[in-house]
N, C-alpha and C. Protein backbone atom coordinates (compact mmCIF):
# COMPACT_ATOMS: atom_id res chain seq x y z
N VAL A 1 152.93 87.27 122.39
CA VAL A 1 152.63 87.61 123.53
C VAL A 1 151.04 86.76 123.93
N GLN A 2 150.80 86.06 124.98
CA GLN A 2 149.70 85.70 125.14
C GLN A 2 149.07 86.04 126.57
N LEU A 3 147.69 86.45 126.44
CA LEU A 3 146.99 86.82 127.84
C LEU A 3 145.75 85.62 127.72
N GLN A 4 145.70 84.88 128.55
CA GLN A 4 144.59 84.10 128.68
C GLN A 4 143.77 84.16 129.91
N ALA A 5 142.65 84.46 129.25
CA ALA A 5 141.75 85.00 130.49
C ALA A 5 140.86 83.68 130.82
N SER A 6 140.26 83.81 131.98
CA SER A 6 139.36 82.44 132.46
C SER A 6 139.01 82.67 133.85
N GLY A 7 137.95 82.00 134.00
CA GLY A 7 137.19 81.86 135.14
C GLY A 7 135.88 82.21 135.43
N GLY A 8 135.27 82.71 134.04
CA GLY A 8 133.96 83.29 133.69
C GLY A 8 132.70 82.21 134.25
N GLY A 9 131.64 82.47 134.02
CA GLY A 9 130.44 81.78 134.07
C GLY A 9 129.49 82.36 134.64
N LEU A 10 128.24 81.45 135.06
CA LEU A 10 127.11 82.13 135.72
C LEU A 10 126.77 82.09 137.11
N VAL A 11 126.88 83.16 137.51
CA VAL A 11 126.54 83.06 139.09
C VAL A 11 125.21 83.79 139.49
N GLN A 12 124.73 83.86 140.86
CA GLN A 12 123.51 84.26 141.19
C GLN A 12 123.92 85.79 141.68
N PRO A 13 122.99 86.68 141.77
CA PRO A 13 123.46 88.15 142.28
C PRO A 13 123.85 87.66 143.73
N GLY A 14 124.92 88.66 144.36
CA GLY A 14 125.48 88.31 145.43
C GLY A 14 126.52 87.47 145.63
N GLY A 15 126.57 86.85 144.51
CA GLY A 15 127.64 85.77 144.60
C GLY A 15 129.27 86.24 144.17
N SER A 16 130.15 85.33 144.06
CA SER A 16 131.73 85.73 143.58
C SER A 16 132.04 84.95 142.61
N LEU A 17 133.04 85.48 141.99
CA LEU A 17 133.98 84.60 141.00
C LEU A 17 135.22 85.24 141.12
N ARG A 18 136.11 84.37 140.59
CA ARG A 18 137.53 84.90 140.65
C ARG A 18 138.12 84.66 139.02
N LEU A 19 138.33 85.65 138.49
CA LEU A 19 139.06 85.76 136.87
C LEU A 19 140.76 85.59 137.20
N SER A 20 141.04 84.50 136.21
CA SER A 20 142.56 84.65 135.88
C SER A 20 142.75 85.37 134.87
N CYS A 21 144.20 85.71 134.53
CA CYS A 21 144.73 85.89 133.47
C CYS A 21 146.35 85.93 133.53
N ALA A 22 146.27 84.46 132.74
CA ALA A 22 147.61 84.03 132.73
C ALA A 22 148.70 84.75 131.33
N ALA A 23 149.73 85.43 131.87
CA ALA A 23 150.42 86.35 130.93
C ALA A 23 151.87 85.25 130.44
N SER A 24 152.27 85.61 129.18
CA SER A 24 153.40 84.88 128.78
C SER A 24 153.86 85.77 127.56
N GLY A 25 155.04 85.21 127.07
CA GLY A 25 155.47 85.82 125.88
C GLY A 25 156.48 86.89 126.09
N ARG A 26 156.33 87.40 127.39
CA ARG A 26 157.34 88.51 127.43
C ARG A 26 157.52 88.67 128.95
N THR A 27 158.40 89.93 129.42
CA THR A 27 158.40 90.33 130.56
C THR A 27 157.53 91.25 130.87
N PHE A 28 156.66 91.46 131.96
CA PHE A 28 155.88 92.27 131.92
C PHE A 28 155.79 93.28 133.08
N SER A 29 157.23 93.51 133.70
CA SER A 29 157.85 94.13 134.89
C SER A 29 157.67 95.89 134.54
N ARG A 30 157.36 96.18 133.62
CA ARG A 30 157.10 97.58 133.28
C ARG A 30 155.59 97.78 132.76
N PHE A 31 154.69 96.58 132.84
CA PHE A 31 153.40 97.04 132.22
C PHE A 31 152.33 97.20 133.64
N HIS A 32 151.20 98.04 133.36
CA HIS A 32 149.93 97.83 134.09
C HIS A 32 149.05 96.66 133.56
N MET A 33 148.74 96.00 134.39
CA MET A 33 148.03 94.76 134.09
C MET A 33 146.40 95.03 134.56
N GLY A 34 145.30 95.22 133.45
CA GLY A 34 144.20 95.32 134.05
C GLY A 34 142.88 94.60 133.53
N TRP A 35 141.75 94.89 133.88
CA TRP A 35 140.48 94.25 133.56
C TRP A 35 139.55 95.29 133.19
N PHE A 36 138.95 95.03 131.94
CA PHE A 36 138.13 95.84 131.48
C PHE A 36 136.70 94.74 130.89
N ARG A 37 135.70 95.47 130.90
CA ARG A 37 134.52 94.73 130.69
C ARG A 37 133.71 95.51 129.48
N GLN A 38 133.11 94.35 128.85
CA GLN A 38 132.05 94.93 127.76
C GLN A 38 130.95 94.26 127.92
N ALA A 39 129.63 95.11 128.39
CA ALA A 39 128.18 94.48 128.49
C ALA A 39 127.81 94.51 127.12
N PRO A 40 126.74 93.83 126.89
CA PRO A 40 125.83 93.92 125.54
C PRO A 40 125.40 95.38 125.02
N GLY A 41 125.77 95.59 124.06
CA GLY A 41 125.01 96.97 123.46
C GLY A 41 125.80 98.43 124.18
N LYS A 42 127.04 97.95 125.03
CA LYS A 42 127.78 99.02 125.36
C LYS A 42 129.29 99.13 125.03
N GLU A 43 130.05 100.10 125.32
CA GLU A 43 131.40 100.14 124.99
C GLU A 43 131.89 99.41 126.14
N ARG A 44 133.42 99.17 125.84
CA ARG A 44 134.14 98.69 126.69
C ARG A 44 134.60 99.33 127.78
N GLU A 45 134.51 99.28 129.11
CA GLU A 45 135.04 100.04 129.92
C GLU A 45 136.12 99.40 130.97
N PHE A 46 136.65 100.31 131.74
CA PHE A 46 137.72 100.24 132.43
C PHE A 46 137.36 99.36 133.86
N VAL A 47 137.93 98.43 134.42
CA VAL A 47 137.29 97.69 135.71
C VAL A 47 138.42 97.96 136.73
N ALA A 48 139.53 97.58 136.60
CA ALA A 48 140.69 97.70 137.69
C ALA A 48 142.10 97.53 136.80
N THR A 49 143.08 97.89 137.78
CA THR A 49 144.35 97.77 137.22
C THR A 49 145.52 97.55 138.30
N ILE A 50 146.58 97.21 138.13
CA ILE A 50 147.60 96.86 138.91
C ILE A 50 149.00 96.93 138.21
N ASN A 51 149.91 97.87 138.84
CA ASN A 51 151.27 98.11 138.46
C ASN A 51 152.08 96.68 138.84
N TRP A 52 152.77 96.07 137.69
CA TRP A 52 153.32 95.01 138.13
C TRP A 52 154.45 95.10 139.14
N ASN A 53 155.25 96.04 138.97
CA ASN A 53 156.29 96.10 139.69
C ASN A 53 156.04 96.43 141.21
N GLU A 54 155.12 97.32 141.46
CA GLU A 54 154.94 97.97 142.72
C GLU A 54 153.90 97.48 143.39
N GLY A 55 152.65 96.89 142.33
CA GLY A 55 151.40 96.43 142.97
C GLY A 55 150.50 97.42 143.32
N ILE A 56 150.66 98.56 142.57
CA ILE A 56 149.84 99.96 143.26
C ILE A 56 148.61 99.26 142.47
N THR A 57 147.41 99.45 142.98
CA THR A 57 146.23 99.40 142.13
C THR A 57 145.22 100.50 142.14
N TYR A 58 144.34 100.33 141.21
CA TYR A 58 143.33 101.28 140.86
C TYR A 58 142.02 100.74 140.33
N TYR A 59 140.96 101.22 140.86
CA TYR A 59 139.73 100.47 140.59
C TYR A 59 138.72 101.76 139.85
N ALA A 60 137.66 101.19 138.82
CA ALA A 60 136.43 101.90 138.93
C ALA A 60 135.80 102.12 139.90
N ASP A 61 134.98 103.36 139.86
CA ASP A 61 133.78 103.32 141.11
C ASP A 61 132.85 102.18 141.17
N SER A 62 132.57 101.35 140.10
CA SER A 62 131.80 100.41 139.92
C SER A 62 132.15 98.94 140.74
N ALA A 63 133.79 99.15 140.70
CA ALA A 63 134.62 98.06 141.03
C ALA A 63 134.78 98.13 142.48
N GLU A 64 135.19 99.39 142.84
CA GLU A 64 135.82 99.94 144.00
C GLU A 64 134.98 98.93 145.63
N GLY A 65 135.33 98.63 146.56
CA GLY A 65 134.99 97.72 147.54
C GLY A 65 134.11 96.24 147.23
N ARG A 66 134.31 96.09 145.95
CA ARG A 66 133.62 95.02 145.74
C ARG A 66 134.70 94.00 144.80
N PHE A 67 135.22 94.53 144.29
CA PHE A 67 136.41 93.65 143.41
C PHE A 67 137.91 93.96 143.83
N THR A 68 138.70 92.69 144.07
CA THR A 68 140.17 93.12 144.06
C THR A 68 140.92 92.69 143.12
N ILE A 69 141.96 93.15 142.79
CA ILE A 69 142.91 92.89 141.73
C ILE A 69 143.99 92.56 142.36
N SER A 70 144.69 91.59 142.00
CA SER A 70 146.08 90.88 142.54
C SER A 70 146.74 90.19 141.41
N LYS A 71 148.01 89.70 141.86
CA LYS A 71 148.84 89.16 140.87
C LYS A 71 149.94 88.14 141.73
N ASN A 72 150.26 87.14 140.98
CA ASN A 72 151.16 85.98 141.39
C ASN A 72 152.25 86.15 140.62
N ASP A 73 153.40 86.73 141.01
CA ASP A 73 154.51 86.60 140.23
C ASP A 73 155.33 85.49 139.71
N ASN A 74 155.40 84.68 140.69
CA ASN A 74 155.57 83.17 140.12
C ASN A 74 154.92 82.42 139.02
N LYS A 75 153.60 82.60 139.07
CA LYS A 75 152.96 82.05 138.12
C LYS A 75 152.58 83.14 136.73
N ASN A 76 152.90 84.31 136.83
CA ASN A 76 152.89 85.42 135.76
C ASN A 76 151.38 85.68 135.70
N THR A 77 150.69 85.54 136.47
CA THR A 77 149.06 85.60 136.43
C THR A 77 148.62 86.66 137.21
N VAL A 78 147.37 87.43 136.64
CA VAL A 78 146.81 88.53 137.44
C VAL A 78 145.21 87.77 137.62
N TYR A 79 144.79 87.96 138.67
CA TYR A 79 143.55 87.69 139.34
C TYR A 79 142.58 88.88 139.22
N LEU A 80 141.13 88.75 139.14
CA LEU A 80 140.24 89.74 139.74
C LEU A 80 139.16 88.89 140.39
N GLN A 81 139.11 89.37 141.90
CA GLN A 81 138.24 88.60 142.75
C GLN A 81 136.87 89.60 142.69
N MET A 82 135.88 89.14 142.51
CA MET A 82 134.70 89.57 142.30
C MET A 82 133.66 89.33 143.24
N ASN A 83 133.17 89.90 144.44
CA ASN A 83 132.26 89.78 145.24
C ASN A 83 131.03 90.55 145.17
N SER A 84 129.98 90.13 146.02
CA SER A 84 128.71 90.70 145.94
C SER A 84 128.26 91.11 144.43
N LEU A 85 128.29 90.30 143.36
CA LEU A 85 128.02 90.67 142.10
C LEU A 85 126.71 91.17 141.94
N LYS A 86 126.68 91.66 140.71
CA LYS A 86 125.14 92.33 140.51
C LYS A 86 124.72 92.07 139.04
N PRO A 87 123.45 92.15 138.80
CA PRO A 87 123.10 91.69 137.45
C PRO A 87 123.75 92.61 136.31
N GLU A 88 124.14 94.15 136.87
CA GLU A 88 124.79 94.94 135.83
C GLU A 88 126.19 94.58 135.92
N ASP A 89 126.63 93.79 136.49
CA ASP A 89 128.26 93.33 136.18
C ASP A 89 128.66 92.37 135.08
N THR A 90 127.43 91.84 134.53
CA THR A 90 127.38 90.94 133.57
C THR A 90 127.70 91.61 132.17
N ALA A 91 128.95 90.99 131.88
CA ALA A 91 129.71 91.36 130.59
C ALA A 91 130.52 90.25 130.30
N VAL A 92 131.68 90.72 129.05
CA VAL A 92 132.62 90.03 128.80
C VAL A 92 133.62 90.66 129.38
N TYR A 93 134.55 89.91 130.24
CA TYR A 93 135.79 90.49 130.90
C TYR A 93 136.93 90.26 129.94
N TYR A 94 137.72 91.50 129.90
CA TYR A 94 138.87 91.04 129.03
C TYR A 94 140.25 91.70 130.06
N CYS A 95 141.06 90.82 129.80
CA CYS A 95 142.30 91.09 130.40
C CYS A 95 143.30 92.05 129.37
N ASN A 96 144.26 93.07 130.29
CA ASN A 96 144.95 93.96 129.24
C ASN A 96 146.46 94.20 130.01
N ALA A 97 147.29 94.15 128.96
CA ALA A 97 148.51 94.68 129.85
C ALA A 97 148.84 95.88 128.62
N ALA A 98 149.58 96.94 129.54
CA ALA A 98 149.66 98.30 128.79
C ALA A 98 150.79 98.66 129.30
N SER A 99 151.65 99.23 128.50
CA SER A 99 152.78 99.77 128.85
C SER A 99 153.21 101.32 127.99
N MET A 100 154.18 101.96 128.24
CA MET A 100 154.25 103.28 127.36
C MET A 100 154.25 102.97 125.74
N TYR A 101 154.83 101.62 125.63
CA TYR A 101 154.86 101.30 124.17
C TYR A 101 154.19 100.40 123.53
N SER A 102 153.35 99.76 124.32
CA SER A 102 152.42 98.27 123.91
C SER A 102 151.21 98.46 124.61
N THR A 103 150.20 97.53 123.98
CA THR A 103 149.33 96.99 124.49
C THR A 103 148.70 95.96 124.05
N TYR A 104 148.48 94.94 125.07
CA TYR A 104 147.78 93.83 124.62
C TYR A 104 146.68 93.38 125.08
N TRP A 105 145.68 92.34 124.49
CA TRP A 105 144.66 92.10 125.05
C TRP A 105 144.39 90.60 125.00
N GLY A 106 143.97 89.87 126.02
CA GLY A 106 143.13 88.84 126.19
C GLY A 106 141.67 88.42 125.37
N GLN A 107 141.54 87.20 125.18
CA GLN A 107 140.46 86.93 124.75
C GLN A 107 139.30 87.14 125.17
N GLY A 108 139.15 87.49 126.48
CA GLY A 108 137.78 87.36 126.98
C GLY A 108 137.05 86.34 127.62
N THR A 109 136.53 86.64 128.86
CA THR A 109 135.65 85.57 129.37
C THR A 109 134.47 86.07 130.09
N LEU A 110 133.22 85.35 129.61
CA LEU A 110 131.94 85.97 129.81
C LEU A 110 131.55 85.43 131.41
N VAL A 111 131.00 86.61 132.09
CA VAL A 111 130.54 86.45 133.14
C VAL A 111 129.24 86.89 133.26
N THR A 112 128.23 86.18 133.78
CA THR A 112 126.87 86.16 133.67
C THR A 112 126.24 86.23 135.21
N VAL A 113 125.35 87.35 135.61
CA VAL A 113 124.92 87.51 136.76
C VAL A 113 123.39 87.45 136.78
N SER A 114 122.84 86.18 137.11
CA SER A 114 121.38 86.13 136.96
C SER A 114 121.14 84.96 138.09
N SER A 115 119.60 85.39 138.30
CA SER A 115 118.88 84.41 139.05
C SER A 115 118.20 83.41 138.37
């Protein structure tokens, strides 16, 4: 199983980025696909999740209204559209796939919000 995260980079406050997570190696129909992040000196925290079958989404308070998680079934890819970025959004963002029996993590992609 592989979760390949990409799309991070340097962006100014108020800007946007779209992260991608390409999933491969198994069927993810029973999984919740999510994004987590870890800022320097802080613990990893939940950002957003989407249920692969129904497409039901859930967001952390910090992401609600600014971030949108979505998926492309044909490409087996999950996205995180991030708008109105703030310096406090600076972190390594990790893709996650979780079911009742298994959890997988991607390698992380760095997002830096700075002027």
